[in-house]
Protein backbone atom coordinates (compact mmCIF):
# COMPACT_ATOMS: atom_id res chain seq x y z
CA MET A 1 0.00 0.00 0.00
CA ILE A 2 1.36 3.39 -0.97
CA SER A 3 0.55 6.29 1.34
CA ALA A 4 -0.01 9.86 0.30
CA GLN A 5 3.36 10.71 1.88
CA GLN A 6 5.06 8.06 -0.26
CA LEU A 7 3.29 9.48 -3.32
CA THR A 8 4.73 12.90 -2.47
CA LEU A 9 8.21 11.42 -2.11
CA LYS A 10 7.87 9.69 -5.47
CA PHE A 11 7.00 13.00 -7.13
CA ARG A 12 10.02 14.60 -5.50
CA ALA A 13 12.22 11.76 -6.69
CA VAL A 14 11.01 12.31 -10.25
CA LYS A 15 11.83 16.02 -9.91
CA THR A 16 15.30 15.63 -8.39
CA ASN A 17 16.53 12.61 -10.29
CA THR A 18 15.36 13.52 -13.78
CA ALA A 19 18.88 13.61 -15.13
CA THR A 20 19.60 10.02 -14.11
CA HIS A 21 16.37 8.34 -15.24
CA ASN A 22 16.11 6.97 -18.71
CA LYS A 23 13.43 8.50 -20.88
CA THR A 24 11.19 5.45 -20.85
CA ALA A 25 11.03 5.26 -17.05
CA GLN A 26 10.56 8.99 -16.72
CA THR A 27 7.73 9.00 -19.22
CA LEU A 28 6.02 6.16 -17.36
CA LEU A 29 6.29 7.95 -14.03
CA TYR A 30 4.89 11.15 -15.52
CA PHE A 31 2.02 9.27 -17.12
CA ILE A 32 1.08 7.58 -13.85
CA ALA A 33 1.36 10.84 -11.92
CA PHE A 34 -0.72 12.72 -14.48
CA ALA A 35 -3.33 10.01 -14.60
CA LEU A 36 -3.67 9.56 -10.84
CA LEU A 37 -4.17 13.16 -9.81
CA PRO A 38 -7.59 13.53 -11.41
CA TYR A 39 -8.67 10.52 -9.35
CA GLY A 40 -7.58 12.36 -6.24
CA LEU A 41 -9.72 15.23 -7.47
CA SER A 42 -12.89 13.18 -8.13
CA LEU A 43 -13.54 14.93 -11.40
CA PRO A 44 -16.21 13.61 -13.73
CA SER A 45 -15.10 10.53 -15.62
CA HIS A 46 -14.31 12.37 -18.86
CA TYR A 47 -11.47 14.23 -17.06
CA ARG A 48 -9.81 10.95 -16.05
CA LEU A 49 -7.39 8.69 -17.85
CA PRO A 50 -8.35 5.00 -17.66
CA LEU A 51 -6.04 3.13 -15.32
CA PRO A 52 -5.54 -0.59 -14.72
CA ALA A 53 -7.00 -1.94 -11.50
CA SER A 54 -3.51 -2.87 -10.30
CA VAL A 55 -2.56 0.81 -10.24
CA LEU A 56 -5.82 2.08 -8.73
CA SER A 57 -5.63 -0.46 -5.93
CA LEU A 58 -2.49 1.23 -4.61
CA PHE A 59 -4.57 4.21 -3.48
CA PRO A 60 -7.53 3.14 -1.32
CA ALA A 61 -10.32 5.67 -1.10
CA ALA A 62 -11.23 7.06 2.30
CA GLN A 63 -13.89 5.08 4.14
CA PRO A 64 -17.31 6.64 4.78
CA THR A 65 -17.75 8.77 7.86
CA ALA A 66 -20.46 7.95 10.35
CA VAL A 67 -22.16 11.25 9.58
CA SER A 68 -24.30 11.00 6.47
CA ALA A 69 -27.33 12.46 4.77
CA SER A 70 -29.69 10.44 2.63
CA MET A 71 -30.19 11.33 -1.01
CA SER A 72 -33.80 12.40 -1.43
CA GLN A 73 -35.74 12.95 -4.60
CA PRO A 74 -35.00 16.38 -6.10
CA THR A 75 -37.56 19.00 -5.18
CA ALA A 76 -37.82 22.72 -5.77
CA THR A 77 -35.59 24.05 -3.01
CA PRO A 78 -34.43 27.61 -2.41
CA ILE A 79 -30.73 28.30 -2.06
CA PRO A 80 -29.98 27.42 1.57
CA THR A 81 -29.30 30.17 4.04
CA SER A 82 -27.03 28.29 6.43
CA LYS A 83 -25.84 30.24 9.43
CA PRO A 84 -22.81 32.04 8.02
CA GLY A 85 -19.41 31.45 9.55
CA GLU A 86 -17.18 34.04 11.12
CA ILE A 87 -13.55 34.80 10.41
CA GLU A 88 -11.55 33.25 13.25
CA ASP A 89 -8.57 35.27 14.45
CA PRO A 90 -7.34 34.45 17.97
CA SER A 91 -4.51 36.97 17.59
CA GLY A 92 -6.97 39.76 16.86
CA LYS A 93 -4.64 41.25 14.26
CA ALA A 94 -4.21 38.72 11.45
CA LEU A 95 -6.22 40.81 8.99
CA HIS A 96 -5.17 44.29 10.12
CA HIS A 97 -2.92 44.93 7.12
CA PHE A 98 -5.64 43.94 4.66
CA PHE A 99 -8.42 45.78 6.46
CA ASN A 100 -6.29 48.91 6.70
CA SER A 101 -5.75 48.78 2.94
CA LEU A 102 -9.52 48.45 2.43
CA ARG A 103 -10.13 51.40 4.75
CA ILE A 104 -7.72 53.56 2.74
CA VAL A 105 -9.45 52.54 -0.50
CA GLU A 106 -12.86 53.27 0.98
CA THR A 107 -12.00 56.66 2.48
CA GLN A 108 -9.20 57.96 0.27
CA CYS A 109 -7.81 56.26 -2.83
CA GLY A 110 -5.45 53.46 -3.87
CA GLN A 111 -5.99 49.75 -4.38
CA ALA A 112 -6.32 46.64 -2.25
CA ARG A 113 -4.99 43.41 -3.75
CA ILE A 114 -5.93 39.84 -2.88
CA SER A 115 -4.12 36.72 -4.11
CA HIS A 116 -6.33 33.66 -3.58
CA TYR A 117 -4.46 30.33 -3.94
CA GLY A 118 -6.40 27.10 -4.14
CA ASP A 119 -7.27 23.88 -5.92
CA SER A 120 -9.69 22.97 -8.71
CA PRO A 121 -12.91 24.43 -7.22
CA ILE A 122 -11.58 27.90 -8.11
CA THR A 123 -9.92 27.12 -11.46
CA ASN A 124 -13.04 28.34 -13.27
CA ASP A 125 -13.19 31.50 -11.11
CA GLY A 126 -16.66 30.70 -9.82
CA ILE A 127 -16.29 31.18 -6.06
CA THR A 128 -13.58 33.80 -6.47
CA ALA A 129 -15.56 35.75 -9.09
CA THR A 130 -18.40 36.12 -6.60
CA VAL A 131 -16.10 37.56 -3.95
CA ARG A 132 -14.41 39.82 -6.52
CA ARG A 133 -17.69 41.24 -7.81
CA LYS A 134 -19.01 41.96 -4.34
CA LEU A 135 -15.78 43.60 -3.18
CA GLN A 136 -15.58 45.71 -6.33
CA LYS A 137 -19.20 46.76 -6.00
CA ARG A 138 -18.49 48.11 -2.54
CA PHE A 139 -14.92 49.40 -2.85
CA GLY A 140 -14.52 50.03 -6.58
CA ASP A 141 -13.18 48.19 -9.62
CA GLY A 142 -9.41 48.47 -9.47
CA GLY A 143 -9.02 45.98 -12.29
CA HIS A 144 -9.47 42.26 -12.66
CA GLY A 145 -6.09 41.21 -11.32
CA PHE A 146 -3.87 38.31 -12.42
CA VAL A 147 -4.82 35.78 -15.11
CA LEU A 148 -2.72 32.99 -16.57
CA ALA A 149 -1.31 33.55 -20.05
CA GLY A 150 -3.02 30.42 -21.38
CA LYS A 151 -5.54 27.71 -20.55
CA PRO A 152 -3.78 24.75 -18.91
CA TRP A 153 -7.21 23.12 -18.44
CA GLY A 154 -10.06 23.30 -20.89
CA TRP A 155 -12.45 24.78 -18.32
CA TYR A 156 -10.04 27.50 -17.12
CA GLN A 157 -11.69 30.89 -17.36
CA HIS A 158 -12.01 34.20 -15.52
CA ASP A 159 -15.16 36.21 -15.10
CA GLY A 160 -14.87 39.52 -16.94
CA VAL A 161 -11.87 38.47 -19.05
CA SER A 162 -11.74 36.97 -22.54
CA LEU A 163 -8.84 34.51 -22.83
CA ASN A 164 -7.69 32.30 -25.68
CA ALA A 165 -4.28 30.96 -26.63
CA SER A 166 -2.69 28.48 -29.01
CA GLY A 167 0.74 26.95 -29.61
CA TRP A 168 2.04 27.08 -26.03
CA GLN A 169 3.28 24.15 -23.94
CA SER A 170 1.66 24.51 -20.53
CA ASN A 171 3.22 23.22 -17.33
CA ALA A 172 1.44 23.34 -13.97
CA MET A 173 3.38 23.13 -10.74
CA TRP A 174 2.25 19.62 -9.80
CA MET A 175 3.60 18.20 -13.06
CA THR A 176 7.23 19.25 -12.94
CA ARG A 177 9.19 19.14 -16.18
CA GLY A 178 12.63 20.54 -15.48
CA ASP A 179 12.77 23.58 -13.19
CA THR A 180 10.11 24.74 -10.75
CA LEU A 181 9.64 28.30 -11.98
CA PHE A 182 5.86 28.56 -12.30
CA GLY A 183 5.17 32.24 -11.73
CA LEU A 184 2.59 33.80 -9.45
CA GLY A 185 -0.24 31.54 -10.63
CA GLY A 186 1.46 28.14 -10.49
CA ALA A 187 1.65 27.48 -14.24
CA ASN A 188 3.89 28.51 -17.11
CA PHE A 189 3.57 28.58 -20.90
CA THR A 190 6.48 28.14 -23.31
CA ALA A 191 6.64 28.61 -27.08
CA ASN A 192 9.16 29.38 -29.79
CA ALA A 193 7.16 29.27 -33.01
CA PRO A 194 5.86 32.67 -34.16
CA GLN A 195 2.45 31.09 -34.85
CA ALA A 196 1.81 30.81 -31.10
CA PHE A 197 -0.31 33.51 -29.50
CA ALA A 198 -2.07 34.47 -26.28
CA ASN A 199 -5.02 36.88 -26.34
CA ILE A 200 -6.24 38.55 -23.16
CA ALA A 201 -9.07 41.07 -23.41
CA THR A 202 -11.34 43.04 -21.13
CA SER A 203 -15.01 42.15 -20.91
CA THR A 204 -17.68 43.97 -22.87
CA THR A 205 -20.65 42.30 -21.16
CA THR A 206 -19.97 41.97 -17.42
CA GLU A 207 -20.61 44.69 -14.85
CA PHE A 208 -16.97 44.77 -13.81
CA GLY A 209 -13.74 44.30 -15.76
CA GLN A 210 -14.62 46.50 -18.73
CA ARG A 211 -11.78 48.96 -18.19
CA VAL A 212 -8.03 48.55 -18.13
CA ALA A 213 -5.29 51.20 -17.94
CA ALA A 214 -2.28 48.90 -17.92
CA PHE A 215 -1.29 45.31 -18.63
CA ASP A 216 1.50 44.01 -16.37
CA ILE A 217 3.13 41.05 -18.13
CA TYR A 218 4.84 38.36 -16.01
CA TYR A 219 7.48 36.32 -17.85
CA LEU A 220 10.81 34.55 -17.36
CA ALA A 221 14.09 36.17 -18.33
CA GLN A 222 16.46 33.32 -19.21
CA PRO A 223 19.60 32.38 -21.16
CA ASN A 224 18.88 32.21 -24.90
CA GLY A 225 15.40 33.60 -24.33
CA GLY A 226 13.62 34.78 -27.45
CA ASP A 227 11.94 38.08 -28.16
CA LEU A 228 8.34 38.70 -27.11
CA LEU A 229 5.99 40.64 -29.39
CA ILE A 230 3.34 42.72 -27.63
CA GLU A 231 0.34 43.84 -29.67
CA ILE A 232 -2.51 46.11 -28.58
CA THR A 233 -5.15 47.33 -30.99
CA GLY A 234 -4.35 50.82 -32.19
CA GLN A 235 -0.78 50.83 -30.89
CA PRO A 236 2.59 49.99 -32.47
CA THR A 237 3.87 46.47 -31.79
CA GLN A 238 6.43 46.35 -28.99
CA ARG A 239 9.31 43.89 -29.05
CA ILE A 240 11.21 43.01 -25.88
CA SER A 241 14.03 40.55 -25.32
CA THR A 242 13.64 37.85 -22.68
CA ALA A 243 17.33 36.88 -22.84
CA ARG A 244 19.38 37.19 -19.62
CA ASP A 245 22.49 35.57 -18.18
CA ALA A 246 20.50 33.61 -15.59
CA PRO A 247 16.83 32.75 -15.07
CA ARG A 248 14.86 35.28 -13.05
CA SER A 249 11.39 36.77 -12.83
CA ALA A 250 10.77 39.64 -15.22
CA PHE A 251 7.91 42.05 -15.73
CA HIS A 252 6.87 44.49 -18.44
CA ARG A 253 4.11 47.03 -17.92
CA VAL A 254 2.21 48.40 -20.90
CA SER A 255 0.04 51.47 -20.30
CA VAL A 256 -3.03 52.07 -22.45
CA PRO A 257 -5.78 54.71 -22.53
CA THR A 258 -8.30 53.65 -19.89
CA GLY A 259 -11.00 51.58 -21.56
CA SER A 260 -11.59 48.23 -23.25
CA HIS A 261 -8.54 46.61 -24.84
CA LYS A 262 -7.15 43.33 -26.16
CA LEU A 263 -3.55 42.29 -25.51
CA THR A 264 -1.84 39.78 -27.81
CA LEU A 265 1.46 38.13 -26.88
CA LYS A 266 3.56 36.22 -29.43
CA PRO A 267 7.06 34.74 -29.57
CA ALA A 268 9.15 36.33 -32.33
CA GLY A 269 10.57 32.94 -33.29
CA ASN A 270 14.20 33.57 -32.35
CA GLY A 271 14.18 31.59 -29.10
CA ALA A 272 11.93 30.16 -26.41
CA VAL A 273 9.63 32.54 -24.55
CA ARG A 274 8.13 31.55 -21.20
CA LEU A 275 5.07 33.42 -19.96
CA PHE A 276 3.35 33.25 -16.58
CA GLY A 277 0.42 35.63 -16.80
CA VAL A 278 -0.85 39.18 -16.94
CA VAL A 279 -2.33 41.58 -14.40
CA LEU A 280 -5.19 43.75 -15.68
CA ASP A 281 -4.98 47.06 -13.80
CA ALA A 282 -7.77 49.62 -14.18
CA GLY A 283 -5.60 52.32 -12.64
CA GLU A 284 -8.49 53.38 -10.44
CA ARG A 285 -9.48 53.17 -6.79
CA GLY A 286 -10.73 49.74 -5.84
CA VAL A 287 -9.99 46.06 -5.38
CA GLN A 288 -8.05 43.59 -7.53
CA TYR A 289 -8.66 39.88 -6.87
CA ASP A 290 -6.30 37.20 -8.20
CA SER A 291 -7.90 33.75 -8.57
CA LEU A 292 -4.90 31.38 -8.48
CA GLY A 293 -6.40 27.90 -8.57
CA VAL A 294 -4.40 24.95 -9.92
CA ASN A 295 -6.02 21.67 -10.86
CA GLY A 296 -4.92 18.85 -8.54
CA ALA A 297 -3.16 21.25 -6.16
CA PHE A 298 -2.41 20.74 -2.47
CA ILE A 299 -0.67 22.95 0.09
CA GLY A 300 2.62 21.04 -0.22
CA LEU A 301 3.13 22.43 -3.71
CA LEU A 302 3.65 25.92 -2.29
CA SER A 303 5.93 24.51 0.39
CA HIS A 304 8.16 22.28 -1.73
CA TYR A 305 7.56 22.38 -5.49
CA LEU A 306 7.44 26.10 -6.23
CA ASP A 307 10.97 27.52 -6.18
CA GLU A 308 11.12 29.74 -3.09
CA THR A 309 13.32 32.51 -4.50
CA HIS A 310 11.24 32.65 -7.66
CA TRP A 311 7.95 32.76 -5.74
CA ARG A 312 9.36 35.52 -3.54
CA GLU A 313 10.14 37.58 -6.65
CA GLN A 314 6.60 37.11 -7.89
CA LEU A 315 4.93 37.99 -4.60
CA GLN A 316 7.12 41.02 -4.01
CA HIS A 317 6.26 42.38 -7.43
CA ARG A 318 2.53 41.73 -7.01
CA GLN A 319 2.39 43.08 -3.43
CA PRO A 320 -0.93 41.56 -2.32
CA ASN A 321 -2.44 42.87 0.90
CA LEU A 322 -4.09 39.51 1.60
CA VAL A 323 -2.99 36.00 0.63
CA ILE A 324 -5.66 33.32 0.90
CA LEU A 325 -4.68 29.63 1.14
CA ALA A 326 -7.66 27.45 0.18
CA TYR A 327 -6.62 23.81 -0.08
CA GLY A 328 -7.80 20.45 1.24
CA ALA A 329 -10.01 18.92 -1.46
CA ASN A 330 -7.25 16.72 -2.87
CA GLU A 331 -5.78 15.81 0.51
CA SER A 332 -9.22 14.52 1.53
CA GLU A 333 -9.05 11.71 -1.03
CA TYR A 334 -6.76 9.58 1.15
CA GLU A 335 -7.54 8.44 4.68
CA ASN A 336 -3.84 7.91 5.36
CA TRP A 337 -2.74 11.42 4.39
CA PRO A 338 0.08 12.19 6.90
CA MET A 339 -1.32 14.95 9.09
CA ASP A 340 2.02 15.75 10.74
CA GLN A 341 3.51 16.44 7.33
CA TYR A 342 0.39 18.38 6.38
CA ALA A 343 0.89 20.66 9.37
CA GLN A 344 4.53 21.17 8.45
CA ASP A 345 3.55 22.02 4.87
CA MET A 346 1.14 24.68 6.10
CA ARG A 347 3.77 26.20 8.39
CA GLU A 348 6.31 26.27 5.57
CA ALA A 349 3.88 27.95 3.17
CA VAL A 350 3.22 30.67 5.74
CA ARG A 351 6.95 31.08 6.40
CA ARG A 352 7.67 31.52 2.69
CA ILE A 353 4.93 34.09 2.23
CA ARG A 354 6.05 36.12 5.23
CA ALA A 355 9.68 35.96 4.11
CA ALA A 356 8.55 37.68 0.92
CA LEU A 357 5.92 39.99 2.46
CA PRO A 358 6.46 40.50 6.20
CA GLU A 359 3.36 42.68 6.68
CA VAL A 360 0.89 40.76 4.53
CA SER A 361 -2.32 39.31 5.96
CA ILE A 362 -2.75 35.55 5.48
CA MET A 363 -5.98 33.59 5.79
CA PHE A 364 -6.61 29.85 5.55
CA VAL A 365 -9.94 28.99 3.93
CA ALA A 366 -11.08 25.46 4.74
CA PRO A 367 -12.32 23.09 2.03
CA MET A 368 -15.99 22.69 1.26
CA ASP A 369 -17.86 19.56 2.21
CA ARG A 370 -16.89 16.73 -0.12
CA GLY A 371 -19.13 13.74 -0.62
CA GLN A 372 -18.95 10.11 -1.63
CA ARG A 373 -21.44 7.28 -1.91
CA GLY A 374 -22.01 5.36 1.30
CA PRO A 375 -24.04 2.30 2.30
CA GLY A 376 -27.47 2.13 0.75
CA GLY A 377 -26.65 4.75 -1.83
CA THR A 378 -26.52 7.64 0.62
CA ILE A 379 -24.16 10.53 0.00
CA ILE A 380 -21.86 10.98 2.98
CA THR A 381 -19.06 13.34 3.94
CA ARG A 382 -15.52 12.12 3.39
CA PRO A 383 -13.97 11.47 6.82
CA MET A 384 -10.79 13.40 6.06
CA ILE A 385 -12.64 16.70 5.59
CA PRO A 386 -13.26 17.39 9.33
CA LYS A 387 -9.66 16.37 10.10
CA ILE A 388 -8.28 18.78 7.51
CA VAL A 389 -10.52 21.57 8.78
CA ALA A 390 -9.30 20.99 12.35
CA ALA A 391 -5.66 20.94 11.23
CA GLN A 392 -6.03 24.19 9.31
CA ARG A 393 -7.75 25.89 12.24
CA ALA A 394 -4.93 24.84 14.59
CA ILE A 395 -2.10 25.95 12.30
CA ALA A 396 -3.83 29.25 11.52
CA ALA A 397 -4.02 30.01 15.24
CA GLU A 398 -0.44 28.88 15.81
CA THR A 399 0.98 31.04 13.01
CA GLY A 400 -1.15 34.14 13.58
CA CYS A 401 -3.24 33.71 10.44
CA ALA A 402 -6.97 34.17 10.03
CA PHE A 403 -9.21 31.16 9.34
CA PHE A 404 -12.57 30.70 7.64
CA ASP A 405 -14.40 27.39 8.11
CA THR A 406 -16.11 26.93 4.75
CA PHE A 407 -17.20 23.40 5.65
CA THR A 408 -19.21 24.50 8.68
CA ALA A 409 -20.45 27.74 7.12
CA MET A 410 -22.05 25.88 4.20
CA GLY A 411 -23.81 23.44 6.52
CA GLY A 412 -21.24 20.91 7.75
CA ALA A 413 -21.47 17.16 7.30
CA GLY A 414 -24.11 16.06 4.82
CA THR A 415 -24.13 19.34 2.90
CA VAL A 416 -23.25 17.68 -0.41
CA ALA A 417 -26.31 15.42 -0.18
CA ARG A 418 -28.56 18.38 0.56
CA TRP A 419 -27.00 20.45 -2.23
CA ARG A 420 -27.45 17.59 -4.70
CA ALA A 421 -31.15 17.49 -3.78
CA ALA A 422 -31.60 21.26 -3.92
CA ARG A 423 -33.16 23.13 -6.79
CA PRO A 424 -31.40 24.95 -8.24
CA LEU A 425 -28.75 22.24 -8.10
CA LEU A 426 -25.80 23.45 -6.01
CA MET A 427 -23.25 20.61 -6.27
CA GLY A 428 -21.88 18.74 -9.27
CA GLY A 429 -22.10 15.00 -9.77
CA ASP A 430 -18.52 14.47 -8.60
CA TYR A 431 -19.60 15.67 -5.11
CA LEU A 432 -16.68 18.11 -5.06
CA HIS A 433 -17.20 20.96 -7.52
CA PRO A 434 -20.13 23.32 -6.95
CA THR A 435 -22.43 24.42 -9.73
CA THR A 436 -22.56 28.08 -10.72
CA GLU A 437 -25.29 28.61 -8.13
CA GLY A 438 -23.34 26.70 -5.49
CA ALA A 439 -20.20 28.73 -6.16
CA GLU A 440 -22.27 31.87 -5.66
CA VAL A 441 -23.37 30.59 -2.24
CA VAL A 442 -19.82 29.76 -1.12
CA GLY A 443 -18.40 33.02 -2.44
CA THR A 444 -21.13 34.98 -0.68
CA LEU A 445 -20.42 33.21 2.61
CA LEU A 446 -16.75 34.17 2.37
CA TYR A 447 -17.46 37.76 1.36
CA ASP A 448 -20.04 38.27 4.10
CA ALA A 449 -17.66 36.88 6.73
CA LEU A 450 -14.88 39.19 5.57
CA MET A 451 -17.14 42.23 5.69
CA ARG A 452 -18.44 41.40 9.17
CA ALA A 453 -14.85 41.14 10.40
CA TYR A 454 -13.97 44.37 8.58
CA GLU A 455 -16.85 46.29 10.15
CA LYS A 456 -16.06 44.83 13.56
CA GLN A 457 -12.48 46.10 13.34
CA ALA A 458 -13.70 49.52 12.23
CA THR A 459 -16.07 49.66 15.22
CA CYS A 460 -13.32 48.65 17.64
CA ASN A 461 -10.95 51.27 16.22
CA ALA A 462 -13.61 53.95 16.63
CA GLU A 463 -14.17 53.16 20.31
């Protein structure tokens, strides 16, 4: 039997011993790793590669928890109004930096920036788009924030941004090929051929995201790097070199007249170009909200797989006021996930973030309820979910971070069964990913909790 910890060690072995493995063995390891992670994610079957039973048997699924909720016949059900959770902050100051930035935006000017890291439930920007819209409605639209330069997954999208790309080799941080320089968003995109392109445009239909005053391009400067062509409608094409003596983070800001614009990025064809993403900045008072979900991600990726110096460069350039860490869905797949190592991974992620941004606010956001079929066809809560929630709460308190218990706020054990029976339907058939309506509920719970904590701090400061 292979534990989750052993799986992690095998991934690390692939990363560190690439030079000594023959190509056949390396390819096999990559195939198995790539194929297994969607099973840990419980995506619908069309996202999974078929695996032989001998491989699947190495990873036993978690056993049903004693807490369950029966699957009833669907009936017309309003969106549930579960008692909303509160932001937990035993230190009383975990969110001061972020709330102070919001207060300045609200009463003066400037921008507040949020970088929200997480796993697949936010890769389509559903939950995060809800929080972004609500924050921007109250504090102003400072611009969309960071988006990846391509689509590493077919469903990747961002509300208020039009994105399409072709000809790039994508590489997400859980599937290491070579170095571990993945940019702010945990994925990179490499191309040499001049036929490759990446188009990023502002929205013309959504309430927010229709205006941009600058595109901030995140890319890698590297030996033998090719030239990058930058095209914006109505402006001359810019050409910049990405060649440097050693690999390092690089950034290029392009200002435009405030309004709706499309940015096109292309390699010139004289060498490899590696892109990470682009920040859309409206240049106006308000909030920017980066949705940084990676399919198959877990907290250990930030602690071990993402090059620390490189990540520090990215964070220091972005300068978020709040970093959200929202993981746990993939860890919940395995009942033998090593919780001691999990706690260490959380501590290390916090240490790395604070080494880059000593004043930043950090908040752990617990996973949603995740279901599986139990005896008699009932949908029950995976037993690892409450354990992960408890571990995150403990480490957040230990490290002086804020904590939001999504699992309890949305209804606790048995929520997936109730959401599958609700109309409108709130949870997908994989019992992990919410529907559009479900994402709206979760995003609203998080936003409301943040605003209650924000108003509470303002009241305390006034007394």
